[in-house]
Amino acid sequence: MPLTYTGCFITLEGPEGAGKTTQLKQLSKQLDILGINHIVTRDPGGTPLGRQIRRILLNPENPVNPMTELLLYQADRAQHVSEIIMPALKEGQLVLCDRYTDSTMAYQGYARGIDFKLIEELNQIATGGLKPEMTILFDLESSEGLARLHPGGHDRLEREALEFHLKVREGYHQLVKKEPERWKVIDASKPMTIVQTELRKLMIDKLAGKFDIEGLLD
């Protein structure tokens, strides 16, 4: 049975250091100014339970088995969709999520080597079949992204070897090829102001007619 809601679900993806979280915060400020009803959330960590899971997953002192890692992400996601995302969509809100199921395919699938079919099945179970209407990839060379990170503040995934991050980025490129109609790609190596302008243009193209967003580029 297809999922029905009146809102709009958009996700942002990218390798470490691509700047998507910063860009999302700037976009949200402009949406607030325009009075557009929206929520910004993140995967993992969008719920109180999820924040506890996020701390476990990203703590560099925690050795985490790859399958344990996958299942913890899915546990967070199941709670996130049921508690935050679907209720907001049913209320007609715009939901902007910093990472979602595609991150799991890129990180645990392409980089960790876990079976893609298993990940797809678990994604389906955790989300109830909810997919983004548009996914924006902030694309950046892995070495450049890692160089942007704050020294000494790296979490467990950020501390992975460069080879791991190269696989993550290639994974995203493969996902874009599989569903080009859903994905939009922004070159995150450009200046922040240009990246923000491109992000807002994508939002206008997607949301025109559904939300009053004419002033988003002002």
N, C-alpha and C. Protein backbone atom coordinates (compact mmCIF):
# COMPACT_ATOMS: atom_id res chain seq x y z
N MET A 1 0.85 -1.19 0.00
CA MET A 1 0.00 0.00 0.00
C MET A 1 0.89 1.24 0.00
N PRO A 2 0.71 2.15 -0.97
CA PRO A 2 1.58 3.34 -1.05
C PRO A 2 1.37 4.27 0.14
N LEU A 3 2.45 4.92 0.55
CA LEU A 3 2.37 5.88 1.64
C LEU A 3 1.73 7.17 1.14
N THR A 4 0.87 7.75 1.95
CA THR A 4 0.20 9.00 1.56
C THR A 4 0.48 10.07 2.60
N TYR A 5 0.82 11.27 2.12
CA TYR A 5 1.04 12.41 2.99
C TYR A 5 0.98 13.68 2.14
N THR A 6 0.84 14.82 2.78
CA THR A 6 0.69 16.08 2.04
C THR A 6 1.96 16.93 2.08
N GLY A 7 2.95 16.53 2.85
CA GLY A 7 4.19 17.28 2.94
C GLY A 7 5.16 16.90 1.83
N CYS A 8 6.44 17.20 2.05
CA CYS A 8 7.48 16.88 1.07
C CYS A 8 8.74 16.44 1.82
N PHE A 9 9.31 15.34 1.37
CA PHE A 9 10.46 14.75 2.05
C PHE A 9 11.70 14.85 1.16
N ILE A 10 12.71 15.61 1.63
CA ILE A 10 13.94 15.82 0.89
C ILE A 10 15.13 15.46 1.79
N THR A 11 16.08 14.73 1.23
CA THR A 11 17.26 14.34 2.01
C THR A 11 18.52 14.93 1.40
N LEU A 12 19.52 15.13 2.25
CA LEU A 12 20.82 15.64 1.83
C LEU A 12 21.88 14.61 2.18
N GLU A 13 22.74 14.32 1.20
CA GLU A 13 23.76 13.31 1.39
C GLU A 13 25.13 13.86 0.98
N GLY A 14 26.17 13.14 1.39
CA GLY A 14 27.51 13.55 0.97
C GLY A 14 28.58 12.90 1.82
N PRO A 15 29.79 12.87 1.31
CA PRO A 15 30.92 12.34 2.08
C PRO A 15 31.30 13.28 3.21
N GLU A 16 32.19 12.83 4.07
CA GLU A 16 32.62 13.65 5.21
C GLU A 16 33.25 14.96 4.71
N GLY A 17 32.88 16.06 5.39
CA GLY A 17 33.47 17.36 5.09
C GLY A 17 32.88 18.08 3.90
N ALA A 18 31.78 17.56 3.33
CA ALA A 18 31.20 18.18 2.14
C ALA A 18 30.42 19.45 2.45
N GLY A 19 30.08 19.66 3.72
CA GLY A 19 29.43 20.90 4.11
C GLY A 19 27.92 20.91 4.05
N LYS A 20 27.30 19.75 3.88
CA LYS A 20 25.85 19.70 3.75
C LYS A 20 25.12 20.17 5.00
N THR A 21 25.66 19.88 6.17
CA THR A 21 25.00 20.27 7.42
C THR A 21 24.99 21.78 7.56
N THR A 22 26.10 22.42 7.26
CA THR A 22 26.18 23.88 7.30
C THR A 22 25.23 24.50 6.29
N GLN A 23 25.19 23.95 5.09
CA GLN A 23 24.31 24.47 4.05
C GLN A 23 22.84 24.30 4.44
N LEU A 24 22.53 23.20 5.09
CA LEU A 24 21.16 22.95 5.53
C LEU A 24 20.72 23.96 6.58
N LYS A 25 21.61 24.31 7.49
CA LYS A 25 21.29 25.30 8.52
C LYS A 25 20.99 26.66 7.88
N GLN A 26 21.79 27.04 6.89
CA GLN A 26 21.56 28.32 6.21
C GLN A 26 20.24 28.32 5.46
N LEU A 27 19.94 27.22 4.81
CA LEU A 27 18.67 27.10 4.09
C LEU A 27 17.49 27.20 5.06
N SER A 28 17.60 26.54 6.20
CA SER A 28 16.52 26.55 7.19
C SER A 28 16.25 27.97 7.70
N LYS A 29 17.31 28.75 7.90
CA LYS A 29 17.13 30.13 8.35
C LYS A 29 16.30 30.94 7.35
N GLN A 30 16.58 30.75 6.06
CA GLN A 30 15.84 31.47 5.03
C GLN A 30 14.39 30.99 4.96
N LEU A 31 14.17 29.70 5.13
CA LEU A 31 12.80 29.17 5.15
C LEU A 31 12.01 29.72 6.32
N ASP A 32 12.69 29.89 7.47
CA ASP A 32 12.05 30.50 8.63
C ASP A 32 11.61 31.93 8.33
N ILE A 33 12.50 32.68 7.67
CA ILE A 33 12.19 34.07 7.32
C ILE A 33 10.96 34.13 6.42
N LEU A 34 10.86 33.17 5.51
CA LEU A 34 9.72 33.13 4.58
C LEU A 34 8.47 32.53 5.20
N GLY A 35 8.59 32.02 6.41
CA GLY A 35 7.43 31.44 7.09
C GLY A 35 6.99 30.10 6.53
N ILE A 36 7.94 29.36 5.93
CA ILE A 36 7.61 28.06 5.35
C ILE A 36 7.72 26.99 6.43
N ASN A 37 6.63 26.29 6.66
CA ASN A 37 6.56 25.29 7.71
C ASN A 37 7.45 24.09 7.35
N HIS A 38 8.50 23.90 8.13
CA HIS A 38 9.43 22.82 7.82
C HIS A 38 10.10 22.33 9.09
N ILE A 39 10.70 21.16 8.99
CA ILE A 39 11.54 20.68 10.08
C ILE A 39 12.88 20.22 9.49
N VAL A 40 13.92 20.38 10.27
CA VAL A 40 15.24 19.88 9.92
C VAL A 40 15.59 18.78 10.91
N THR A 41 15.96 17.64 10.40
CA THR A 41 16.29 16.52 11.28
C THR A 41 17.51 15.80 10.72
N ARG A 42 17.98 14.79 11.43
CA ARG A 42 19.18 14.11 10.98
C ARG A 42 19.11 12.61 11.25
N ASP A 43 19.87 11.87 10.49
CA ASP A 43 19.92 10.41 10.56
C ASP A 43 21.39 10.00 10.59
N PRO A 44 21.85 9.46 11.74
CA PRO A 44 21.11 9.14 12.96
C PRO A 44 21.00 10.34 13.91
N GLY A 45 20.13 10.22 14.89
CA GLY A 45 20.07 11.21 15.95
C GLY A 45 18.90 12.16 15.92
N GLY A 46 17.84 11.83 15.18
CA GLY A 46 16.71 12.75 15.08
C GLY A 46 15.70 12.64 16.20
N THR A 47 15.86 11.68 17.09
CA THR A 47 14.96 11.50 18.22
C THR A 47 15.78 11.38 19.50
N PRO A 48 15.15 11.48 20.68
CA PRO A 48 15.90 11.28 21.92
C PRO A 48 16.61 9.92 21.96
N LEU A 49 15.90 8.87 21.54
CA LEU A 49 16.54 7.55 21.48
C LEU A 49 17.66 7.55 20.45
N GLY A 50 17.42 8.19 19.32
CA GLY A 50 18.40 8.24 18.25
C GLY A 50 19.68 8.95 18.66
N ARG A 51 19.55 9.96 19.50
CA ARG A 51 20.75 10.67 19.95
C ARG A 51 21.64 9.77 20.79
N GLN A 52 21.03 8.88 21.55
CA GLN A 52 21.82 7.92 22.32
C GLN A 52 22.51 6.93 21.38
N ILE A 53 21.79 6.47 20.35
CA ILE A 53 22.38 5.56 19.37
C ILE A 53 23.52 6.25 18.62
N ARG A 54 23.31 7.52 18.27
CA ARG A 54 24.34 8.27 17.55
C ARG A 54 25.65 8.34 18.35
N ARG A 55 25.52 8.59 19.65
CA ARG A 55 26.72 8.67 20.49
C ARG A 55 27.47 7.34 20.49
N ILE A 56 26.73 6.25 20.52
CA ILE A 56 27.37 4.93 20.48
C ILE A 56 28.07 4.71 19.14
N LEU A 57 27.39 5.04 18.05
CA LEU A 57 27.91 4.80 16.72
C LEU A 57 29.16 5.62 16.40
N LEU A 58 29.19 6.87 16.84
CA LEU A 58 30.26 7.77 16.42
C LEU A 58 31.38 7.93 17.43
N ASN A 59 31.23 7.34 18.61
CA ASN A 59 32.28 7.43 19.62
C ASN A 59 33.51 6.67 19.14
N PRO A 60 34.64 7.35 18.95
CA PRO A 60 35.84 6.67 18.43
C PRO A 60 36.40 5.62 19.38
N GLU A 61 35.96 5.63 20.63
CA GLU A 61 36.46 4.65 21.59
C GLU A 61 35.66 3.34 21.53
N ASN A 62 34.57 3.33 20.77
CA ASN A 62 33.74 2.14 20.68
C ASN A 62 34.12 1.29 19.47
N PRO A 63 34.64 0.08 19.68
CA PRO A 63 34.83 -0.83 18.53
C PRO A 63 33.47 -1.41 18.16
N VAL A 64 33.03 -1.18 16.93
CA VAL A 64 31.69 -1.61 16.52
C VAL A 64 31.80 -2.56 15.34
N ASN A 65 31.26 -3.75 15.49
CA ASN A 65 31.21 -4.72 14.42
C ASN A 65 30.36 -4.17 13.26
N PRO A 66 30.75 -4.40 12.00
CA PRO A 66 29.98 -3.84 10.87
C PRO A 66 28.49 -4.19 10.90
N MET A 67 28.14 -5.43 11.25
CA MET A 67 26.72 -5.78 11.30
C MET A 67 26.02 -5.08 12.45
N THR A 68 26.71 -4.94 13.57
CA THR A 68 26.15 -4.18 14.69
C THR A 68 25.90 -2.74 14.27
N GLU A 69 26.87 -2.18 13.56
CA GLU A 69 26.74 -0.81 13.06
C GLU A 69 25.50 -0.67 12.17
N LEU A 70 25.34 -1.60 11.24
CA LEU A 70 24.19 -1.56 10.34
C LEU A 70 22.87 -1.62 11.11
N LEU A 71 22.78 -2.53 12.06
CA LEU A 71 21.53 -2.70 12.80
C LEU A 71 21.23 -1.52 13.72
N LEU A 72 22.26 -0.90 14.26
CA LEU A 72 22.03 0.30 15.08
C LEU A 72 21.50 1.45 14.23
N TYR A 73 22.04 1.61 13.04
CA TYR A 73 21.51 2.64 12.13
C TYR A 73 20.05 2.38 11.80
N GLN A 74 19.71 1.12 11.58
CA GLN A 74 18.32 0.80 11.23
C GLN A 74 17.38 0.98 12.43
N ALA A 75 17.86 0.68 13.62
CA ALA A 75 17.04 0.90 14.81
C ALA A 75 16.75 2.39 14.98
N ASP A 76 17.78 3.21 14.81
CA ASP A 76 17.58 4.65 14.86
C ASP A 76 16.57 5.09 13.82
N ARG A 77 16.68 4.56 12.61
CA ARG A 77 15.83 4.99 11.49
C ARG A 77 14.36 4.61 11.71
N ALA A 78 14.13 3.42 12.23
CA ALA A 78 12.76 3.00 12.48
C ALA A 78 12.08 3.95 13.46
N GLN A 79 12.78 4.31 14.53
CA GLN A 79 12.24 5.25 15.51
C GLN A 79 12.05 6.63 14.89
N HIS A 80 13.01 7.05 14.10
CA HIS A 80 13.01 8.38 13.48
C HIS A 80 11.82 8.56 12.55
N VAL A 81 11.59 7.58 11.69
CA VAL A 81 10.49 7.68 10.73
C VAL A 81 9.15 7.70 11.44
N SER A 82 8.98 6.83 12.42
CA SER A 82 7.67 6.73 13.09
C SER A 82 7.40 7.90 14.03
N GLU A 83 8.45 8.41 14.67
CA GLU A 83 8.26 9.46 15.68
C GLU A 83 8.30 10.87 15.10
N ILE A 84 9.13 11.08 14.10
CA ILE A 84 9.37 12.45 13.61
C ILE A 84 8.95 12.65 12.16
N ILE A 85 9.49 11.85 11.25
CA ILE A 85 9.35 12.15 9.83
C ILE A 85 7.92 11.97 9.32
N MET A 86 7.33 10.80 9.51
CA MET A 86 5.98 10.58 8.98
C MET A 86 4.93 11.49 9.60
N PRO A 87 4.93 11.71 10.93
CA PRO A 87 3.95 12.65 11.49
C PRO A 87 4.05 14.04 10.87
N ALA A 88 5.28 14.52 10.64
CA ALA A 88 5.46 15.84 10.04
C ALA A 88 4.96 15.86 8.59
N LEU A 89 5.24 14.82 7.84
CA LEU A 89 4.78 14.76 6.46
C LEU A 89 3.25 14.72 6.38
N LYS A 90 2.64 14.00 7.29
CA LYS A 90 1.18 13.91 7.30
C LYS A 90 0.54 15.24 7.70
N GLU A 91 1.30 16.08 8.42
CA GLU A 91 0.81 17.41 8.77
C GLU A 91 1.06 18.43 7.66
N GLY A 92 1.65 17.97 6.56
CA GLY A 92 1.88 18.86 5.43
C GLY A 92 3.18 19.64 5.48
N GLN A 93 4.10 19.23 6.33
CA GLN A 93 5.34 19.96 6.47
C GLN A 93 6.39 19.51 5.45
N LEU A 94 7.32 20.41 5.19
CA LEU A 94 8.52 20.08 4.43
C LEU A 94 9.51 19.48 5.42
N VAL A 95 9.99 18.29 5.13
CA VAL A 95 10.96 17.61 6.00
C VAL A 95 12.30 17.55 5.28
N LEU A 96 13.32 18.14 5.90
CA LEU A 96 14.68 18.13 5.36
C LEU A 96 15.54 17.28 6.29
N CYS A 97 16.07 16.19 5.76
CA CYS A 97 16.80 15.24 6.60
C CYS A 97 18.26 15.15 6.18
N ASP A 98 19.14 15.38 7.13
CA ASP A 98 20.59 15.28 6.94
C ASP A 98 20.98 13.81 7.04
N ARG A 99 21.11 13.16 5.90
CA ARG A 99 21.38 11.73 5.71
C ARG A 99 20.10 10.91 5.89
N TYR A 100 20.11 9.74 5.21
CA TYR A 100 18.98 8.82 5.31
C TYR A 100 19.48 7.47 4.79
N THR A 101 18.63 6.72 4.14
CA THR A 101 18.97 5.35 3.75
C THR A 101 20.14 5.27 2.77
N ASP A 102 20.32 6.29 1.96
CA ASP A 102 21.42 6.26 0.99
C ASP A 102 22.79 6.26 1.68
N SER A 103 22.87 6.89 2.84
CA SER A 103 24.12 6.85 3.60
C SER A 103 24.46 5.42 3.98
N THR A 104 23.46 4.66 4.34
CA THR A 104 23.70 3.27 4.72
C THR A 104 24.20 2.46 3.54
N MET A 105 23.62 2.71 2.37
CA MET A 105 24.10 2.01 1.17
C MET A 105 25.55 2.39 0.86
N ALA A 106 25.87 3.69 1.00
CA ALA A 106 27.23 4.14 0.67
C ALA A 106 28.25 3.68 1.69
N TYR A 107 27.94 3.85 2.98
CA TYR A 107 28.91 3.56 4.03
C TYR A 107 28.97 2.07 4.38
N GLN A 108 27.81 1.48 4.67
CA GLN A 108 27.82 0.07 5.09
C GLN A 108 27.82 -0.88 3.90
N GLY A 109 27.28 -0.45 2.76
CA GLY A 109 27.27 -1.28 1.57
C GLY A 109 28.55 -1.18 0.77
N TYR A 110 28.75 -0.04 0.13
CA TYR A 110 29.91 0.11 -0.75
C TYR A 110 31.23 0.14 0.01
N ALA A 111 31.27 0.79 1.17
CA ALA A 111 32.53 0.90 1.90
C ALA A 111 32.80 -0.28 2.83
N ARG A 112 31.79 -0.76 3.54
CA ARG A 112 31.98 -1.89 4.46
C ARG A 112 31.88 -3.24 3.75
N GLY A 113 31.17 -3.25 2.62
CA GLY A 113 31.04 -4.50 1.88
C GLY A 113 29.91 -5.39 2.34
N ILE A 114 28.95 -4.85 3.10
CA ILE A 114 27.79 -5.64 3.52
C ILE A 114 26.85 -5.82 2.32
N ASP A 115 26.20 -6.95 2.25
CA ASP A 115 25.34 -7.32 1.13
C ASP A 115 24.27 -6.25 0.86
N PHE A 116 24.22 -5.78 -0.39
CA PHE A 116 23.29 -4.71 -0.75
C PHE A 116 21.83 -5.13 -0.56
N LYS A 117 21.53 -6.36 -0.93
CA LYS A 117 20.14 -6.83 -0.80
C LYS A 117 19.69 -6.81 0.66
N LEU A 118 20.57 -7.22 1.55
CA LEU A 118 20.24 -7.20 2.98
C LEU A 118 19.98 -5.77 3.43
N ILE A 119 20.84 -4.84 3.03
CA ILE A 119 20.65 -3.45 3.42
C ILE A 119 19.33 -2.90 2.88
N GLU A 120 19.02 -3.21 1.64
CA GLU A 120 17.77 -2.75 1.05
C GLU A 120 16.56 -3.29 1.81
N GLU A 121 16.63 -4.56 2.19
CA GLU A 121 15.52 -5.16 2.95
C GLU A 121 15.37 -4.50 4.31
N LEU A 122 16.48 -4.24 4.98
CA LEU A 122 16.42 -3.60 6.29
C LEU A 122 15.96 -2.15 6.17
N ASN A 123 16.40 -1.45 5.12
CA ASN A 123 15.91 -0.09 4.90
C ASN A 123 14.40 -0.08 4.73
N GLN A 124 13.89 -1.04 3.97
CA GLN A 124 12.45 -1.14 3.73
C GLN A 124 11.70 -1.38 5.04
N ILE A 125 12.22 -2.27 5.86
CA ILE A 125 11.58 -2.57 7.14
C ILE A 125 11.60 -1.36 8.06
N ALA A 126 12.76 -0.71 8.17
CA ALA A 126 12.91 0.40 9.10
C ALA A 126 12.09 1.62 8.71
N THR A 127 11.92 1.85 7.42
CA THR A 127 11.25 3.06 6.95
C THR A 127 9.79 2.84 6.58
N GLY A 128 9.36 1.58 6.51
CA GLY A 128 8.01 1.32 6.05
C GLY A 128 7.83 1.65 4.58
N GLY A 129 8.95 1.74 3.86
CA GLY A 129 8.89 2.05 2.44
C GLY A 129 8.98 3.52 2.10
N LEU A 130 9.22 4.37 3.09
CA LEU A 130 9.29 5.81 2.84
C LEU A 130 10.60 6.17 2.14
N LYS A 131 10.49 6.77 0.95
CA LYS A 131 11.66 7.21 0.19
C LYS A 131 11.59 8.72 -0.01
N PRO A 132 12.74 9.37 -0.12
CA PRO A 132 12.75 10.82 -0.38
C PRO A 132 12.21 11.12 -1.77
N GLU A 133 11.57 12.29 -1.88
CA GLU A 133 11.11 12.74 -3.19
C GLU A 133 12.27 13.34 -3.99
N MET A 134 13.25 13.86 -3.28
CA MET A 134 14.47 14.36 -3.91
C MET A 134 15.63 14.18 -2.93
N THR A 135 16.78 13.77 -3.47
CA THR A 135 17.98 13.64 -2.66
C THR A 135 19.08 14.47 -3.30
N ILE A 136 19.72 15.31 -2.50
CA ILE A 136 20.77 16.20 -2.99
C ILE A 136 22.11 15.71 -2.49
N LEU A 137 23.00 15.42 -3.43
CA LEU A 137 24.35 14.97 -3.09
C LEU A 137 25.31 16.15 -3.15
N PHE A 138 25.97 16.42 -2.03
CA PHE A 138 27.05 17.41 -1.99
C PHE A 138 28.33 16.65 -2.27
N ASP A 139 28.81 16.76 -3.49
CA ASP A 139 29.92 15.94 -3.94
C ASP A 139 31.25 16.66 -3.75
N LEU A 140 32.23 15.93 -3.23
CA LEU A 140 33.54 16.52 -2.94
C LEU A 140 34.59 15.42 -2.93
N GLU A 141 35.79 15.75 -3.43
CA GLU A 141 36.90 14.80 -3.35
C GLU A 141 37.12 14.39 -1.90
N SER A 142 37.34 13.10 -1.68
CA SER A 142 37.46 12.59 -0.32
C SER A 142 38.59 13.25 0.46
N SER A 143 39.74 13.42 -0.18
CA SER A 143 40.89 14.02 0.51
C SER A 143 40.60 15.46 0.91
N GLU A 144 39.89 16.19 0.05
CA GLU A 144 39.55 17.57 0.39
C GLU A 144 38.55 17.63 1.54
N GLY A 145 37.59 16.73 1.52
CA GLY A 145 36.60 16.71 2.59
C GLY A 145 37.23 16.40 3.94
N LEU A 146 38.13 15.42 3.97
CA LEU A 146 38.78 15.07 5.23
C LEU A 146 39.67 16.20 5.72
N ALA A 147 40.27 16.95 4.79
CA ALA A 147 41.13 18.07 5.18
C ALA A 147 40.33 19.20 5.81
N ARG A 148 39.05 19.26 5.52
CA ARG A 148 38.20 20.31 6.08
C ARG A 148 37.80 20.05 7.53
N LEU A 149 37.92 18.81 7.96
CA LEU A 149 37.44 18.44 9.29
C LEU A 149 38.31 19.06 10.37
N HIS A 150 37.66 19.34 11.52
CA HIS A 150 38.36 19.96 12.64
C HIS A 150 39.39 19.00 13.21
N PRO A 151 40.65 19.40 13.31
CA PRO A 151 41.70 18.51 13.84
C PRO A 151 41.38 18.06 15.28
N GLY A 152 41.52 16.79 15.52
CA GLY A 152 41.31 16.26 16.86
C GLY A 152 39.87 16.00 17.22
N GLY A 153 38.95 16.43 16.37
CA GLY A 153 37.53 16.26 16.69
C GLY A 153 36.86 15.19 15.87
N HIS A 154 37.62 14.34 15.22
CA HIS A 154 37.06 13.36 14.31
C HIS A 154 36.30 12.26 15.06
N ASP A 155 35.13 11.90 14.53
CA ASP A 155 34.38 10.80 15.13
C ASP A 155 34.87 9.47 14.54
N ARG A 156 34.24 8.40 14.93
CA ARG A 156 34.72 7.07 14.55
C ARG A 156 34.76 6.86 13.04
N LEU A 157 33.74 7.33 12.33
CA LEU A 157 33.71 7.15 10.88
C LEU A 157 34.68 8.09 10.18
N GLU A 158 34.80 9.31 10.68
CA GLU A 158 35.73 10.26 10.08
C GLU A 158 37.17 9.76 10.17
N ARG A 159 37.46 8.93 11.18
CA ARG A 159 38.82 8.42 11.38
C ARG A 159 39.16 7.23 10.50
N GLU A 160 38.21 6.78 9.71
CA GLU A 160 38.50 5.67 8.81
C GLU A 160 39.56 6.09 7.79
N ALA A 161 40.25 5.12 7.23
CA ALA A 161 41.30 5.38 6.25
C ALA A 161 40.73 6.02 4.99
N LEU A 162 41.60 6.70 4.25
CA LEU A 162 41.18 7.37 3.03
C LEU A 162 40.50 6.40 2.07
N GLU A 163 41.01 5.18 1.99
CA GLU A 163 40.42 4.17 1.09
C GLU A 163 38.94 3.97 1.38
N PHE A 164 38.58 3.94 2.66
CA PHE A 164 37.17 3.80 3.05
C PHE A 164 36.34 4.95 2.49
N HIS A 165 36.83 6.17 2.65
CA HIS A 165 36.09 7.35 2.20
C HIS A 165 36.01 7.42 0.68
N LEU A 166 37.03 6.93 -0.01
CA LEU A 166 36.97 6.86 -1.47
C LEU A 166 35.86 5.91 -1.92
N LYS A 167 35.69 4.82 -1.20
CA LYS A 167 34.62 3.87 -1.52
C LYS A 167 33.25 4.49 -1.24
N VAL A 168 33.15 5.27 -0.17
CA VAL A 168 31.88 5.95 0.14
C VAL A 168 31.49 6.87 -1.01
N ARG A 169 32.42 7.68 -1.46
CA ARG A 169 32.12 8.63 -2.54
C ARG A 169 31.74 7.90 -3.82
N GLU A 170 32.48 6.85 -4.16
CA GLU A 170 32.15 6.08 -5.34
C GLU A 170 30.78 5.43 -5.19
N GLY A 171 30.45 5.02 -3.97
CA GLY A 171 29.13 4.46 -3.71
C GLY A 171 28.03 5.45 -4.02
N TYR A 172 28.21 6.69 -3.60
CA TYR A 172 27.22 7.72 -3.92
C TYR A 172 27.08 7.90 -5.43
N HIS A 173 28.18 7.89 -6.13
CA HIS A 173 28.12 8.05 -7.58
C HIS A 173 27.34 6.90 -8.22
N GLN A 174 27.51 5.70 -7.71
CA GLN A 174 26.76 4.56 -8.24
C GLN A 174 25.27 4.69 -7.94
N LEU A 175 24.94 5.19 -6.78
CA LEU A 175 23.53 5.39 -6.42
C LEU A 175 22.87 6.43 -7.31
N VAL A 176 23.62 7.48 -7.64
CA VAL A 176 23.10 8.50 -8.55
C VAL A 176 22.80 7.90 -9.91
N LYS A 177 23.69 7.04 -10.39
CA LYS A 177 23.49 6.41 -11.70
C LYS A 177 22.26 5.51 -11.71
N LYS A 178 21.97 4.88 -10.58
CA LYS A 178 20.83 3.96 -10.51
C LYS A 178 19.50 4.69 -10.49
N GLU A 179 19.45 5.87 -9.86
CA GLU A 179 18.19 6.63 -9.76
C GLU A 179 18.43 8.10 -10.11
N PRO A 180 18.79 8.40 -11.34
CA PRO A 180 19.10 9.79 -11.70
C PRO A 180 17.92 10.74 -11.58
N GLU A 181 16.71 10.20 -11.65
CA GLU A 181 15.53 11.07 -11.55
C GLU A 181 15.32 11.59 -10.13
N ARG A 182 15.83 10.88 -9.14
CA ARG A 182 15.66 11.33 -7.74
C ARG A 182 16.82 12.20 -7.29
N TRP A 183 18.00 11.98 -7.80
CA TRP A 183 19.20 12.64 -7.29
C TRP A 183 19.48 13.95 -8.02
N LYS A 184 19.99 14.93 -7.25
CA LYS A 184 20.55 16.16 -7.78
C LYS A 184 21.94 16.30 -7.16
N VAL A 185 22.91 16.70 -7.96
CA VAL A 185 24.30 16.75 -7.49
C VAL A 185 24.80 18.18 -7.51
N ILE A 186 25.40 18.59 -6.38
CA ILE A 186 26.01 19.91 -6.25
C ILE A 186 27.51 19.73 -6.04
N ASP A 187 28.30 20.50 -6.75
CA ASP A 187 29.75 20.47 -6.58
C ASP A 187 30.10 21.24 -5.30
N ALA A 188 30.40 20.50 -4.24
CA ALA A 188 30.63 21.10 -2.93
C ALA A 188 32.01 21.74 -2.80
N SER A 189 32.84 21.66 -3.85
CA SER A 189 34.14 22.32 -3.80
C SER A 189 34.03 23.81 -4.13
N LYS A 190 32.88 24.23 -4.62
CA LYS A 190 32.66 25.64 -4.95
C LYS A 190 32.54 26.46 -3.67
N PRO A 191 32.68 27.80 -3.76
CA PRO A 191 32.50 28.65 -2.57
C PRO A 191 31.14 28.44 -1.93
N MET A 192 31.07 28.61 -0.61
CA MET A 192 29.85 28.31 0.14
C MET A 192 28.65 29.09 -0.36
N THR A 193 28.86 30.36 -0.76
CA THR A 193 27.73 31.16 -1.23
C THR A 193 27.15 30.61 -2.53
N ILE A 194 28.01 30.12 -3.40
CA ILE A 194 27.54 29.53 -4.66
C ILE A 194 26.80 28.23 -4.40
N VAL A 195 27.35 27.41 -3.50
CA VAL A 195 26.69 26.16 -3.14
C VAL A 195 25.31 26.43 -2.56
N GLN A 196 25.20 27.46 -1.71
CA GLN A 196 23.91 27.78 -1.12
C GLN A 196 22.91 28.24 -2.18
N THR A 197 23.38 29.03 -3.14
CA THR A 197 22.50 29.49 -4.22
C THR A 197 22.00 28.30 -5.04
N GLU A 198 22.89 27.37 -5.35
CA GLU A 198 22.49 26.20 -6.13
C GLU A 198 21.50 25.34 -5.34
N LEU A 199 21.72 25.22 -4.04
CA LEU A 199 20.80 24.46 -3.20
C LEU A 199 19.41 25.10 -3.22
N ARG A 200 19.35 26.40 -3.08
CA ARG A 200 18.05 27.09 -3.07
C ARG A 200 17.34 26.97 -4.41
N LYS A 201 18.09 27.01 -5.51
CA LYS A 201 17.48 26.84 -6.83
C LYS A 201 16.85 25.45 -6.96
N LEU A 202 17.53 24.44 -6.47
CA LEU A 202 16.97 23.10 -6.50
C LEU A 202 15.69 23.01 -5.68
N MET A 203 15.68 23.67 -4.54
CA MET A 203 14.51 23.66 -3.69
C MET A 203 13.34 24.37 -4.37
N ILE A 204 13.61 25.48 -5.03
CA ILE A 204 12.55 26.21 -5.73
C ILE A 204 11.96 25.35 -6.84
N ASP A 205 12.81 24.72 -7.62
CA ASP A 205 12.34 23.87 -8.71
C ASP A 205 11.47 22.73 -8.19
N LYS A 206 11.84 22.18 -7.03
CA LYS A 206 11.10 21.05 -6.49
C LYS A 206 9.81 21.46 -5.81
N LEU A 207 9.83 22.59 -5.12
CA LEU A 207 8.71 22.95 -4.25
C LEU A 207 7.73 23.96 -4.85
N ALA A 208 8.08 24.52 -6.00
CA ALA A 208 7.19 25.51 -6.62
C ALA A 208 5.79 24.92 -6.82
N GLY A 209 4.79 25.65 -6.37
CA GLY A 209 3.42 25.19 -6.49
C GLY A 209 2.92 24.47 -5.25
N LYS A 210 3.86 23.96 -4.44
CA LYS A 210 3.48 23.27 -3.21
C LYS A 210 3.67 24.15 -1.99
N PHE A 211 4.71 25.00 -2.05
CA PHE A 211 4.98 25.96 -0.98
C PHE A 211 5.26 27.32 -1.61
N ASP A 212 4.99 28.39 -0.87
CA ASP A 212 5.24 29.74 -1.34
C ASP A 212 6.71 30.08 -1.08
N ILE A 213 7.55 29.86 -2.06
CA ILE A 213 8.98 29.98 -1.87
C ILE A 213 9.62 31.00 -2.83
N GLU A 214 8.83 31.92 -3.33
CA GLU A 214 9.33 32.87 -4.33
C GLU A 214 10.51 33.68 -3.81
N GLY A 215 10.58 33.95 -2.51
CA GLY A 215 11.64 34.78 -1.98
C GLY A 215 12.89 34.02 -1.56
N LEU A 216 12.99 32.76 -1.91
CA LEU A 216 14.09 31.94 -1.41
C LEU A 216 15.45 32.38 -1.96
N LEU A 217 15.48 33.04 -3.10
CA LEU A 217 16.74 33.50 -3.67
C LEU A 217 17.01 34.97 -3.40
N ASP A 218 16.15 35.63 -2.64
CA ASP A 218 16.36 37.05 -2.35
C ASP A 218 17.53 37.25 -1.40
